Amino acid sequence: MKNVLLGLAFASLTANAQVELKRDFLPATWQLPAGQSSMVHYLGQESLYLSKGVALYGDGKYHEGIIEVDIADDDAQGEAGIVFRHTSDGAYRGITLDLHALNSPDTAHPTATALKQNASTCTPHASKPASWTHLKIIIQDNVAQVFLNDAPEPASEIKLPPTKKPVKGRIGLMASGGAYFSNFKYSPLPSASIVARN
């Protein structure tokens, strides 16, 4: 294993304070899809249930940063994950977990997939059925590192398509087939970080 020093120049987010939402997904701070979401108590946590669609946080626009959320599911019928760089025309990037694979006792490796113009995959360790899975992504420029369940090593490093200039957009959550979300958190990148990779 080798350590790779990543230069994380990130002036655009230094003015943004850390956002941590642990108990509410209120319409005042979230744009929730009409008729597709509700606040519930699930597996011991106050949670947002999102049956389908995209829920966007605030009106801030970000290019890089660290986004985390706990995800759970009761019927393993779809995908759920994190949305970033969501622009006014509806385009976005996202990292999702295959909930069927995540909850299947026969699956050794569920799939996390980057959506919207990115078909890279990763194979993180499986979680037990009906449990919370912690999804964390570190986005720097055109790379998204995917971490599951507080693992020190990324489950995958997904290359995002390069662009002529940095794309900024809103952040949030998405689901298809129903999922529960709790402990959503956004943090700006530090000025420098050492990430261990194989």
N, C-alpha and C. Protein backbone atom coordinates (compact mmCIF):
# COMPACT_ATOMS: atom_id res chain seq x y z
N MET A 1 0.84 -1.16 0.00
CA MET A 1 0.00 0.00 0.00
C MET A 1 0.89 1.23 0.00
N LYS A 2 0.47 2.22 -0.72
CA LYS A 2 1.26 3.44 -0.76
C LYS A 2 0.38 4.63 -0.43
N ASN A 3 1.00 5.64 0.08
CA ASN A 3 0.29 6.87 0.40
C ASN A 3 0.45 7.84 -0.75
N VAL A 4 -0.64 8.44 -1.12
CA VAL A 4 -0.63 9.40 -2.21
C VAL A 4 -1.06 10.74 -1.65
N LEU A 5 -0.23 11.73 -1.85
CA LEU A 5 -0.57 13.07 -1.38
C LEU A 5 -1.39 13.77 -2.45
N LEU A 6 -2.59 14.14 -2.06
CA LEU A 6 -3.47 14.84 -3.00
C LEU A 6 -3.47 16.32 -2.67
N GLY A 7 -3.11 17.14 -3.62
CA GLY A 7 -3.21 18.59 -3.41
C GLY A 7 -4.66 18.99 -3.51
N LEU A 8 -5.19 19.54 -2.47
CA LEU A 8 -6.61 19.83 -2.44
C LEU A 8 -6.85 21.34 -2.30
N ALA A 9 -6.42 22.08 -3.28
CA ALA A 9 -6.66 23.52 -3.26
C ALA A 9 -8.16 23.74 -3.40
N PHE A 10 -8.73 24.37 -2.44
CA PHE A 10 -10.19 24.41 -2.40
C PHE A 10 -10.69 25.74 -1.87
N ALA A 11 -10.27 26.82 -2.49
CA ALA A 11 -10.62 28.16 -2.00
C ALA A 11 -12.11 28.43 -2.10
N SER A 12 -12.80 27.80 -3.06
CA SER A 12 -14.21 28.12 -3.29
C SER A 12 -15.11 27.73 -2.14
N LEU A 13 -14.65 26.82 -1.26
CA LEU A 13 -15.52 26.38 -0.18
C LEU A 13 -15.09 26.85 1.19
N THR A 14 -14.00 27.56 1.29
CA THR A 14 -13.50 27.93 2.61
C THR A 14 -14.47 28.84 3.36
N ALA A 15 -15.29 29.57 2.64
CA ALA A 15 -16.23 30.47 3.30
C ALA A 15 -17.48 29.74 3.77
N ASN A 16 -17.69 28.50 3.31
CA ASN A 16 -18.88 27.76 3.66
C ASN A 16 -18.66 26.98 4.95
N ALA A 17 -19.52 27.19 5.93
CA ALA A 17 -19.42 26.45 7.19
C ALA A 17 -19.89 25.02 6.97
N GLN A 18 -19.44 24.14 7.85
CA GLN A 18 -19.87 22.75 7.78
C GLN A 18 -21.36 22.66 8.02
N VAL A 19 -22.04 21.81 7.25
CA VAL A 19 -23.47 21.62 7.38
C VAL A 19 -23.69 20.23 7.95
N GLU A 20 -24.45 20.14 9.02
CA GLU A 20 -24.73 18.83 9.59
C GLU A 20 -26.20 18.77 9.96
N LEU A 21 -26.93 17.88 9.29
CA LEU A 21 -28.35 17.71 9.54
C LEU A 21 -28.57 16.31 10.06
N LYS A 22 -28.99 16.18 11.30
CA LYS A 22 -29.13 14.85 11.87
C LYS A 22 -30.57 14.48 12.17
N ARG A 23 -31.46 15.45 12.25
CA ARG A 23 -32.81 15.12 12.67
C ARG A 23 -33.91 15.64 11.73
N ASP A 24 -33.60 16.60 10.91
CA ASP A 24 -34.68 17.13 10.09
C ASP A 24 -34.28 17.31 8.64
N PHE A 25 -35.27 17.15 7.80
CA PHE A 25 -35.14 17.44 6.37
C PHE A 25 -36.30 18.37 6.05
N LEU A 26 -36.25 19.58 6.60
CA LEU A 26 -37.36 20.50 6.50
C LEU A 26 -37.41 21.19 5.14
N PRO A 27 -38.62 21.50 4.67
CA PRO A 27 -38.75 22.21 3.39
C PRO A 27 -38.00 23.54 3.37
N ALA A 28 -37.75 24.13 4.54
CA ALA A 28 -37.01 25.39 4.59
C ALA A 28 -35.56 25.21 4.14
N THR A 29 -35.01 24.03 4.34
CA THR A 29 -33.61 23.78 3.95
C THR A 29 -33.46 22.74 2.86
N TRP A 30 -34.52 22.02 2.56
CA TRP A 30 -34.47 20.97 1.53
C TRP A 30 -35.55 21.17 0.49
N GLN A 31 -35.21 20.90 -0.75
CA GLN A 31 -36.20 20.85 -1.82
C GLN A 31 -36.54 19.37 -2.00
N LEU A 32 -37.73 18.98 -1.50
CA LEU A 32 -38.12 17.57 -1.51
C LEU A 32 -39.12 17.32 -2.63
N PRO A 33 -39.04 16.18 -3.31
CA PRO A 33 -40.01 15.89 -4.38
C PRO A 33 -41.42 15.75 -3.80
N ALA A 34 -42.37 16.42 -4.40
CA ALA A 34 -43.75 16.44 -3.89
C ALA A 34 -44.34 15.04 -3.85
N GLY A 35 -44.89 14.69 -2.71
CA GLY A 35 -45.58 13.42 -2.57
C GLY A 35 -44.68 12.20 -2.52
N GLN A 36 -43.37 12.40 -2.51
CA GLN A 36 -42.45 11.27 -2.58
C GLN A 36 -41.58 11.14 -1.33
N SER A 37 -41.84 11.94 -0.29
CA SER A 37 -40.97 11.90 0.88
C SER A 37 -41.75 12.14 2.16
N SER A 38 -41.18 11.67 3.27
CA SER A 38 -41.77 11.91 4.59
C SER A 38 -40.72 11.66 5.65
N MET A 39 -40.92 12.30 6.83
CA MET A 39 -40.03 12.05 7.96
C MET A 39 -40.58 10.88 8.76
N VAL A 40 -39.72 9.92 9.08
CA VAL A 40 -40.13 8.73 9.81
C VAL A 40 -39.04 8.36 10.82
N HIS A 41 -39.40 7.49 11.75
CA HIS A 41 -38.42 6.92 12.67
C HIS A 41 -38.13 5.51 12.16
N TYR A 42 -36.88 5.24 11.79
CA TYR A 42 -36.54 3.94 11.19
C TYR A 42 -35.21 3.45 11.75
N LEU A 43 -35.18 2.21 12.21
CA LEU A 43 -33.98 1.60 12.76
C LEU A 43 -33.29 2.50 13.79
N GLY A 44 -34.09 3.11 14.64
CA GLY A 44 -33.56 3.91 15.73
C GLY A 44 -33.14 5.31 15.39
N GLN A 45 -33.41 5.78 14.17
CA GLN A 45 -32.98 7.13 13.79
C GLN A 45 -34.11 7.89 13.12
N GLU A 46 -34.18 9.20 13.39
CA GLU A 46 -35.07 10.06 12.65
C GLU A 46 -34.56 10.12 11.22
N SER A 47 -35.43 9.88 10.26
CA SER A 47 -34.97 9.66 8.88
C SER A 47 -35.90 10.31 7.87
N LEU A 48 -35.32 10.57 6.72
CA LEU A 48 -36.10 10.97 5.56
C LEU A 48 -36.37 9.71 4.74
N TYR A 49 -37.65 9.42 4.48
CA TYR A 49 -37.98 8.34 3.55
C TYR A 49 -38.25 8.98 2.20
N LEU A 50 -37.52 8.54 1.19
CA LEU A 50 -37.66 9.05 -0.17
C LEU A 50 -38.02 7.89 -1.06
N SER A 51 -39.26 7.90 -1.60
CA SER A 51 -39.69 6.78 -2.43
C SER A 51 -39.05 6.82 -3.81
N LYS A 52 -38.92 8.02 -4.37
CA LYS A 52 -38.20 8.16 -5.63
C LYS A 52 -37.94 9.64 -5.88
N GLY A 53 -36.94 9.89 -6.70
CA GLY A 53 -36.62 11.26 -7.05
C GLY A 53 -35.38 11.78 -6.37
N VAL A 54 -35.19 13.09 -6.49
CA VAL A 54 -34.00 13.76 -5.96
C VAL A 54 -34.43 14.79 -4.92
N ALA A 55 -33.77 14.79 -3.77
CA ALA A 55 -33.97 15.79 -2.73
C ALA A 55 -32.70 16.64 -2.67
N LEU A 56 -32.83 17.95 -2.81
CA LEU A 56 -31.67 18.83 -2.87
C LEU A 56 -31.58 19.68 -1.62
N TYR A 57 -30.35 19.83 -1.11
CA TYR A 57 -30.13 20.62 0.08
C TYR A 57 -29.83 22.08 -0.26
N GLY A 58 -30.51 23.00 0.41
CA GLY A 58 -30.22 24.43 0.32
C GLY A 58 -30.13 24.96 -1.10
N ASP A 59 -29.44 26.11 -1.21
CA ASP A 59 -29.24 26.68 -2.54
C ASP A 59 -27.77 26.92 -2.84
N GLY A 60 -26.89 26.41 -1.97
CA GLY A 60 -25.46 26.55 -2.22
C GLY A 60 -25.00 25.70 -3.38
N LYS A 61 -23.96 26.16 -4.05
CA LYS A 61 -23.39 25.42 -5.18
C LYS A 61 -21.95 25.09 -4.88
N TYR A 62 -21.61 23.82 -5.04
CA TYR A 62 -20.29 23.32 -4.66
C TYR A 62 -19.66 22.55 -5.81
N HIS A 63 -18.35 22.58 -5.87
CA HIS A 63 -17.61 21.80 -6.86
C HIS A 63 -16.95 20.59 -6.20
N GLU A 64 -16.42 20.79 -5.00
CA GLU A 64 -15.71 19.73 -4.29
C GLU A 64 -16.19 19.67 -2.86
N GLY A 65 -15.81 18.62 -2.16
CA GLY A 65 -16.16 18.50 -0.77
C GLY A 65 -16.37 17.07 -0.35
N ILE A 66 -16.79 16.90 0.89
CA ILE A 66 -17.04 15.59 1.48
C ILE A 66 -18.51 15.51 1.84
N ILE A 67 -19.21 14.53 1.31
CA ILE A 67 -20.64 14.36 1.56
C ILE A 67 -20.84 12.98 2.18
N GLU A 68 -21.62 12.93 3.26
CA GLU A 68 -21.86 11.67 3.96
C GLU A 68 -23.34 11.52 4.28
N VAL A 69 -23.80 10.27 4.35
CA VAL A 69 -25.18 10.00 4.76
C VAL A 69 -25.29 8.53 5.15
N ASP A 70 -26.21 8.24 6.05
CA ASP A 70 -26.57 6.86 6.37
C ASP A 70 -27.75 6.48 5.50
N ILE A 71 -27.70 5.29 4.90
CA ILE A 71 -28.77 4.81 4.01
C ILE A 71 -29.25 3.46 4.50
N ALA A 72 -30.58 3.27 4.51
CA ALA A 72 -31.16 1.98 4.86
C ALA A 72 -32.34 1.71 3.94
N ASP A 73 -32.77 0.45 3.90
CA ASP A 73 -33.85 0.06 3.02
C ASP A 73 -34.59 -1.12 3.65
N ASP A 74 -35.89 -1.22 3.37
CA ASP A 74 -36.64 -2.33 3.94
C ASP A 74 -37.07 -3.37 2.93
N ASP A 75 -37.01 -3.05 1.64
CA ASP A 75 -37.43 -4.05 0.66
C ASP A 75 -36.44 -4.27 -0.48
N ALA A 76 -35.33 -3.55 -0.47
CA ALA A 76 -34.25 -3.76 -1.44
C ALA A 76 -34.74 -3.78 -2.88
N GLN A 77 -35.48 -2.75 -3.26
CA GLN A 77 -36.06 -2.72 -4.60
C GLN A 77 -35.44 -1.70 -5.54
N GLY A 78 -34.43 -0.98 -5.13
CA GLY A 78 -33.91 0.04 -6.03
C GLY A 78 -32.50 0.47 -5.70
N GLU A 79 -32.24 1.74 -5.94
CA GLU A 79 -30.94 2.34 -5.69
C GLU A 79 -31.13 3.60 -4.86
N ALA A 80 -30.10 3.96 -4.12
CA ALA A 80 -30.15 5.19 -3.33
C ALA A 80 -28.73 5.70 -3.16
N GLY A 81 -28.59 7.02 -3.04
CA GLY A 81 -27.25 7.55 -2.87
C GLY A 81 -27.20 9.05 -2.77
N ILE A 82 -26.04 9.59 -3.12
CA ILE A 82 -25.72 11.01 -2.98
C ILE A 82 -25.67 11.67 -4.35
N VAL A 83 -26.22 12.87 -4.44
CA VAL A 83 -26.21 13.67 -5.66
C VAL A 83 -25.29 14.86 -5.44
N PHE A 84 -24.51 15.22 -6.46
CA PHE A 84 -23.67 16.41 -6.38
C PHE A 84 -23.55 17.06 -7.75
N ARG A 85 -23.14 18.31 -7.76
CA ARG A 85 -23.04 19.11 -9.00
C ARG A 85 -24.35 19.12 -9.78
N HIS A 86 -25.46 19.28 -9.04
CA HIS A 86 -26.78 19.35 -9.65
C HIS A 86 -26.99 20.79 -10.15
N THR A 87 -27.14 20.94 -11.45
CA THR A 87 -27.24 22.26 -12.06
C THR A 87 -28.70 22.62 -12.36
N SER A 88 -28.93 23.87 -12.71
CA SER A 88 -30.28 24.37 -12.94
C SER A 88 -31.00 23.66 -14.09
N ASP A 89 -30.24 23.05 -14.99
CA ASP A 89 -30.88 22.32 -16.09
C ASP A 89 -31.21 20.88 -15.73
N GLY A 90 -30.99 20.50 -14.46
CA GLY A 90 -31.34 19.16 -14.00
C GLY A 90 -30.25 18.12 -14.15
N ALA A 91 -29.12 18.49 -14.74
CA ALA A 91 -28.01 17.54 -14.86
C ALA A 91 -27.31 17.41 -13.52
N TYR A 92 -26.78 16.24 -13.23
CA TYR A 92 -26.06 16.04 -11.98
C TYR A 92 -25.16 14.81 -12.07
N ARG A 93 -24.30 14.69 -11.08
CA ARG A 93 -23.51 13.49 -10.87
C ARG A 93 -24.06 12.82 -9.62
N GLY A 94 -23.82 11.54 -9.48
CA GLY A 94 -24.29 10.86 -8.29
C GLY A 94 -23.57 9.56 -8.06
N ILE A 95 -23.55 9.14 -6.82
CA ILE A 95 -23.02 7.83 -6.44
C ILE A 95 -24.17 7.11 -5.74
N THR A 96 -24.55 5.94 -6.23
CA THR A 96 -25.66 5.21 -5.65
C THR A 96 -25.23 3.81 -5.23
N LEU A 97 -25.97 3.27 -4.28
CA LEU A 97 -25.81 1.89 -3.86
C LEU A 97 -26.95 1.06 -4.44
N ASP A 98 -26.63 -0.12 -4.93
CA ASP A 98 -27.64 -1.07 -5.39
C ASP A 98 -28.23 -1.72 -4.14
N LEU A 99 -29.46 -1.33 -3.77
CA LEU A 99 -30.04 -1.78 -2.52
C LEU A 99 -30.35 -3.27 -2.51
N HIS A 100 -30.67 -3.83 -3.67
CA HIS A 100 -30.93 -5.27 -3.73
C HIS A 100 -29.65 -6.04 -3.39
N ALA A 101 -28.55 -5.65 -4.00
CA ALA A 101 -27.28 -6.31 -3.71
C ALA A 101 -26.83 -6.05 -2.28
N LEU A 102 -27.08 -4.84 -1.81
CA LEU A 102 -26.67 -4.46 -0.46
C LEU A 102 -27.38 -5.30 0.59
N ASN A 103 -28.65 -5.62 0.35
CA ASN A 103 -29.45 -6.34 1.34
C ASN A 103 -29.53 -7.84 1.11
N SER A 104 -28.95 -8.33 0.03
CA SER A 104 -29.04 -9.75 -0.27
C SER A 104 -27.98 -10.54 0.49
N PRO A 105 -28.38 -11.58 1.25
CA PRO A 105 -27.40 -12.39 1.96
C PRO A 105 -26.54 -13.22 1.01
N ASP A 106 -26.98 -13.34 -0.24
CA ASP A 106 -26.23 -14.13 -1.23
C ASP A 106 -25.20 -13.30 -1.98
N THR A 107 -25.20 -11.99 -1.76
CA THR A 107 -24.30 -11.12 -2.50
C THR A 107 -23.10 -10.75 -1.64
N ALA A 108 -21.94 -11.11 -2.10
CA ALA A 108 -20.72 -10.78 -1.35
C ALA A 108 -20.32 -9.33 -1.57
N HIS A 109 -20.66 -8.79 -2.74
CA HIS A 109 -20.22 -7.44 -3.08
C HIS A 109 -21.35 -6.65 -3.74
N PRO A 110 -22.05 -5.80 -3.00
CA PRO A 110 -23.04 -4.92 -3.63
C PRO A 110 -22.34 -3.92 -4.54
N THR A 111 -23.10 -3.26 -5.34
CA THR A 111 -22.53 -2.35 -6.33
C THR A 111 -22.84 -0.91 -6.00
N ALA A 112 -21.83 -0.07 -6.07
CA ALA A 112 -22.04 1.38 -6.01
C ALA A 112 -21.74 1.89 -7.41
N THR A 113 -22.63 2.67 -7.95
CA THR A 113 -22.51 3.10 -9.34
C THR A 113 -22.60 4.61 -9.45
N ALA A 114 -21.77 5.19 -10.26
CA ALA A 114 -21.88 6.62 -10.55
C ALA A 114 -22.90 6.81 -11.66
N LEU A 115 -23.85 7.68 -11.43
CA LEU A 115 -24.91 7.93 -12.40
C LEU A 115 -24.58 9.13 -13.27
N LYS A 116 -25.36 9.29 -14.32
CA LYS A 116 -25.27 10.44 -15.21
C LYS A 116 -23.89 10.60 -15.84
N GLN A 117 -23.69 9.98 -16.95
CA GLN A 117 -22.48 10.09 -17.76
C GLN A 117 -21.26 9.45 -17.11
N ASN A 118 -21.48 8.53 -16.19
CA ASN A 118 -20.34 7.85 -15.58
C ASN A 118 -20.76 6.45 -15.19
N ALA A 119 -20.18 5.45 -15.82
CA ALA A 119 -20.61 4.08 -15.59
C ALA A 119 -19.62 3.28 -14.75
N SER A 120 -18.72 3.96 -14.06
CA SER A 120 -17.76 3.25 -13.22
C SER A 120 -18.48 2.55 -12.07
N THR A 121 -17.91 1.45 -11.61
CA THR A 121 -18.52 0.71 -10.50
C THR A 121 -17.48 0.43 -9.44
N CYS A 122 -17.95 0.09 -8.26
CA CYS A 122 -17.06 -0.38 -7.22
C CYS A 122 -17.73 -1.52 -6.48
N THR A 123 -16.98 -2.28 -5.72
CA THR A 123 -17.52 -3.45 -5.04
C THR A 123 -17.21 -3.39 -3.55
N PRO A 124 -17.96 -2.59 -2.79
CA PRO A 124 -17.75 -2.49 -1.36
C PRO A 124 -18.26 -3.73 -0.63
N HIS A 125 -17.90 -3.86 0.63
CA HIS A 125 -18.34 -5.00 1.44
C HIS A 125 -19.84 -4.93 1.69
N ALA A 126 -20.47 -6.08 1.74
CA ALA A 126 -21.92 -6.15 1.94
C ALA A 126 -22.29 -5.77 3.36
N SER A 127 -23.48 -5.20 3.52
CA SER A 127 -24.04 -4.91 4.83
C SER A 127 -25.11 -5.94 5.15
N LYS A 128 -25.43 -6.07 6.42
CA LYS A 128 -26.52 -6.96 6.81
C LYS A 128 -27.84 -6.37 6.35
N PRO A 129 -28.84 -7.21 6.06
CA PRO A 129 -30.15 -6.70 5.67
C PRO A 129 -30.73 -5.79 6.75
N ALA A 130 -31.52 -4.83 6.33
CA ALA A 130 -32.21 -3.91 7.24
C ALA A 130 -31.26 -3.30 8.25
N SER A 131 -30.18 -2.73 7.76
CA SER A 131 -29.24 -2.03 8.62
C SER A 131 -28.82 -0.75 7.93
N TRP A 132 -28.24 0.16 8.71
CA TRP A 132 -27.75 1.40 8.13
C TRP A 132 -26.40 1.16 7.47
N THR A 133 -26.22 1.71 6.29
CA THR A 133 -24.93 1.71 5.61
C THR A 133 -24.47 3.16 5.50
N HIS A 134 -23.28 3.43 5.97
CA HIS A 134 -22.74 4.80 5.91
C HIS A 134 -22.02 4.98 4.57
N LEU A 135 -22.50 5.91 3.77
CA LEU A 135 -21.89 6.22 2.46
C LEU A 135 -21.21 7.57 2.57
N LYS A 136 -19.95 7.61 2.21
CA LYS A 136 -19.17 8.85 2.24
C LYS A 136 -18.45 8.98 0.90
N ILE A 137 -18.54 10.14 0.30
CA ILE A 137 -17.78 10.39 -0.92
C ILE A 137 -16.94 11.64 -0.75
N ILE A 138 -15.72 11.55 -1.22
CA ILE A 138 -14.81 12.70 -1.24
C ILE A 138 -14.63 13.09 -2.69
N ILE A 139 -15.08 14.29 -3.02
CA ILE A 139 -15.04 14.75 -4.41
C ILE A 139 -13.95 15.80 -4.53
N GLN A 140 -12.99 15.53 -5.37
CA GLN A 140 -11.94 16.50 -5.64
C GLN A 140 -11.73 16.55 -7.15
N ASP A 141 -12.02 17.70 -7.73
CA ASP A 141 -11.88 17.89 -9.17
C ASP A 141 -12.66 16.81 -9.91
N ASN A 142 -11.98 15.92 -10.65
CA ASN A 142 -12.67 14.91 -11.44
C ASN A 142 -12.52 13.51 -10.86
N VAL A 143 -12.39 13.41 -9.54
CA VAL A 143 -12.29 12.12 -8.87
C VAL A 143 -13.25 12.09 -7.70
N ALA A 144 -13.98 10.99 -7.57
CA ALA A 144 -14.84 10.76 -6.41
C ALA A 144 -14.40 9.47 -5.74
N GLN A 145 -13.95 9.58 -4.49
CA GLN A 145 -13.59 8.39 -3.72
C GLN A 145 -14.80 7.97 -2.90
N VAL A 146 -15.11 6.68 -2.91
CA VAL A 146 -16.28 6.14 -2.24
C VAL A 146 -15.84 5.32 -1.03
N PHE A 147 -16.38 5.66 0.14
CA PHE A 147 -16.09 4.93 1.38
C PHE A 147 -17.40 4.40 1.95
N LEU A 148 -17.36 3.19 2.50
CA LEU A 148 -18.54 2.61 3.13
C LEU A 148 -18.24 2.24 4.57
N ASN A 149 -19.21 2.54 5.44
CA ASN A 149 -19.17 2.11 6.84
C ASN A 149 -17.87 2.47 7.55
N ASP A 150 -17.43 3.70 7.36
CA ASP A 150 -16.26 4.24 8.07
C ASP A 150 -14.97 3.48 7.79
N ALA A 151 -14.90 2.78 6.67
CA ALA A 151 -13.66 2.09 6.29
C ALA A 151 -12.57 3.13 6.04
N PRO A 152 -11.33 2.84 6.47
CA PRO A 152 -10.24 3.80 6.25
C PRO A 152 -9.79 3.87 4.79
N GLU A 153 -10.04 2.80 4.05
CA GLU A 153 -9.65 2.75 2.63
C GLU A 153 -10.89 2.93 1.75
N PRO A 154 -10.76 3.63 0.63
CA PRO A 154 -11.91 3.76 -0.26
C PRO A 154 -12.28 2.43 -0.89
N ALA A 155 -13.58 2.19 -1.03
CA ALA A 155 -14.06 1.01 -1.73
C ALA A 155 -13.83 1.15 -3.23
N SER A 156 -13.82 2.38 -3.69
CA SER A 156 -13.63 2.63 -5.11
C SER A 156 -13.21 4.08 -5.32
N GLU A 157 -12.51 4.31 -6.42
CA GLU A 157 -12.19 5.65 -6.86
C GLU A 157 -12.77 5.80 -8.25
N ILE A 158 -13.72 6.70 -8.40
CA ILE A 158 -14.45 6.85 -9.65
C ILE A 158 -13.98 8.10 -10.37
N LYS A 159 -13.58 7.93 -11.61
CA LYS A 159 -13.15 9.06 -12.44
C LYS A 159 -14.36 9.73 -13.06
N LEU A 160 -14.49 11.02 -12.85
CA LEU A 160 -15.57 11.79 -13.44
C LEU A 160 -15.08 12.41 -14.74
N PRO A 161 -15.95 12.55 -15.72
CA PRO A 161 -15.53 13.14 -16.99
C PRO A 161 -14.95 14.54 -16.80
N PRO A 162 -13.81 14.83 -17.43
CA PRO A 162 -13.22 16.15 -17.29
C PRO A 162 -14.08 17.23 -17.95
N THR A 163 -14.00 18.44 -17.43
CA THR A 163 -14.71 19.57 -18.00
C THR A 163 -13.74 20.73 -18.20
N LYS A 164 -14.10 21.65 -19.09
CA LYS A 164 -13.21 22.78 -19.38
C LYS A 164 -13.06 23.70 -18.18
N LYS A 165 -14.10 23.82 -17.38
CA LYS A 165 -14.02 24.63 -16.17
C LYS A 165 -14.77 23.90 -15.07
N PRO A 166 -14.45 24.19 -13.81
CA PRO A 166 -15.12 23.49 -12.71
C PRO A 166 -16.64 23.65 -12.76
N VAL A 167 -17.35 22.55 -12.56
CA VAL A 167 -18.81 22.58 -12.53
C VAL A 167 -19.26 22.64 -11.08
N LYS A 168 -20.02 23.68 -10.74
CA LYS A 168 -20.57 23.80 -9.41
C LYS A 168 -22.06 23.51 -9.46
N GLY A 169 -22.56 22.91 -8.40
CA GLY A 169 -23.99 22.62 -8.35
C GLY A 169 -24.42 22.28 -6.94
N ARG A 170 -25.69 22.03 -6.79
CA ARG A 170 -26.26 21.71 -5.49
C ARG A 170 -25.96 20.25 -5.11
N ILE A 171 -26.11 19.95 -3.84
CA ILE A 171 -25.88 18.60 -3.34
C ILE A 171 -27.18 18.06 -2.76
N GLY A 172 -27.28 16.74 -2.65
CA GLY A 172 -28.49 16.16 -2.09
C GLY A 172 -28.48 14.65 -2.13
N LEU A 173 -29.68 14.08 -2.21
CA LEU A 173 -29.88 12.64 -2.13
C LEU A 173 -30.80 12.20 -3.25
N MET A 174 -30.72 10.93 -3.60
CA MET A 174 -31.64 10.40 -4.60
C MET A 174 -32.01 8.97 -4.26
N ALA A 175 -33.18 8.56 -4.72
CA ALA A 175 -33.63 7.18 -4.53
C ALA A 175 -34.52 6.77 -5.68
N SER A 176 -34.49 5.50 -5.98
CA SER A 176 -35.47 4.89 -6.88
C SER A 176 -35.85 3.56 -6.25
N GLY A 177 -37.12 3.40 -5.94
CA GLY A 177 -37.56 2.18 -5.28
C GLY A 177 -37.69 2.30 -3.77
N GLY A 178 -37.36 3.48 -3.22
CA GLY A 178 -37.55 3.73 -1.79
C GLY A 178 -36.33 3.49 -0.95
N ALA A 179 -35.98 4.46 -0.09
CA ALA A 179 -34.85 4.33 0.82
C ALA A 179 -35.00 5.33 1.96
N TYR A 180 -34.29 5.04 3.06
CA TYR A 180 -34.27 5.91 4.23
C TYR A 180 -32.90 6.57 4.33
N PHE A 181 -32.90 7.84 4.72
CA PHE A 181 -31.65 8.59 4.85
C PHE A 181 -31.60 9.25 6.22
N SER A 182 -30.42 9.28 6.82
CA SER A 182 -30.23 9.95 8.09
C SER A 182 -28.80 10.47 8.18
N ASN A 183 -28.59 11.44 9.06
CA ASN A 183 -27.25 11.97 9.34
C ASN A 183 -26.53 12.50 8.09
N PHE A 184 -27.25 13.27 7.29
CA PHE A 184 -26.63 13.90 6.12
C PHE A 184 -25.62 14.95 6.60
N LYS A 185 -24.49 14.99 5.94
CA LYS A 185 -23.44 15.90 6.38
C LYS A 185 -22.59 16.33 5.18
N TYR A 186 -22.28 17.61 5.11
CA TYR A 186 -21.37 18.12 4.10
C TYR A 186 -20.21 18.83 4.80
N SER A 187 -18.98 18.61 4.31
CA SER A 187 -17.81 19.31 4.82
C SER A 187 -16.95 19.75 3.65
N PRO A 188 -16.38 20.96 3.71
CA PRO A 188 -15.42 21.35 2.68
C PRO A 188 -14.14 20.54 2.82
N LEU A 189 -13.41 20.41 1.74
CA LEU A 189 -12.14 19.70 1.78
C LEU A 189 -11.13 20.48 2.60
N PRO A 190 -10.23 19.77 3.27
CA PRO A 190 -9.13 20.47 3.93
C PRO A 190 -8.17 21.02 2.89
N SER A 191 -7.25 21.86 3.30
CA SER A 191 -6.31 22.46 2.36
C SER A 191 -5.35 21.42 1.76
N ALA A 192 -5.11 20.35 2.49
CA ALA A 192 -4.30 19.24 1.98
C ALA A 192 -4.70 17.99 2.73
N SER A 193 -4.60 16.86 2.07
CA SER A 193 -5.00 15.60 2.69
C SER A 193 -4.16 14.46 2.14
N ILE A 194 -3.83 13.53 2.99
CA ILE A 194 -3.14 12.32 2.55
C ILE A 194 -4.15 11.19 2.56
N VAL A 195 -4.36 10.58 1.41
CA VAL A 195 -5.31 9.48 1.27
C VAL A 195 -4.54 8.21 0.98
N ALA A 196 -4.73 7.20 1.80
CA ALA A 196 -4.04 5.92 1.58
C ALA A 196 -4.81 5.11 0.55
N ARG A 197 -4.09 4.60 -0.41
CA ARG A 197 -4.69 3.77 -1.44
C ARG A 197 -3.77 2.57 -1.72
N ASN A 198 -4.39 1.52 -2.25
CA ASN A 198 -3.59 0.35 -2.65
C ASN A 198 -2.81 0.68 -3.90
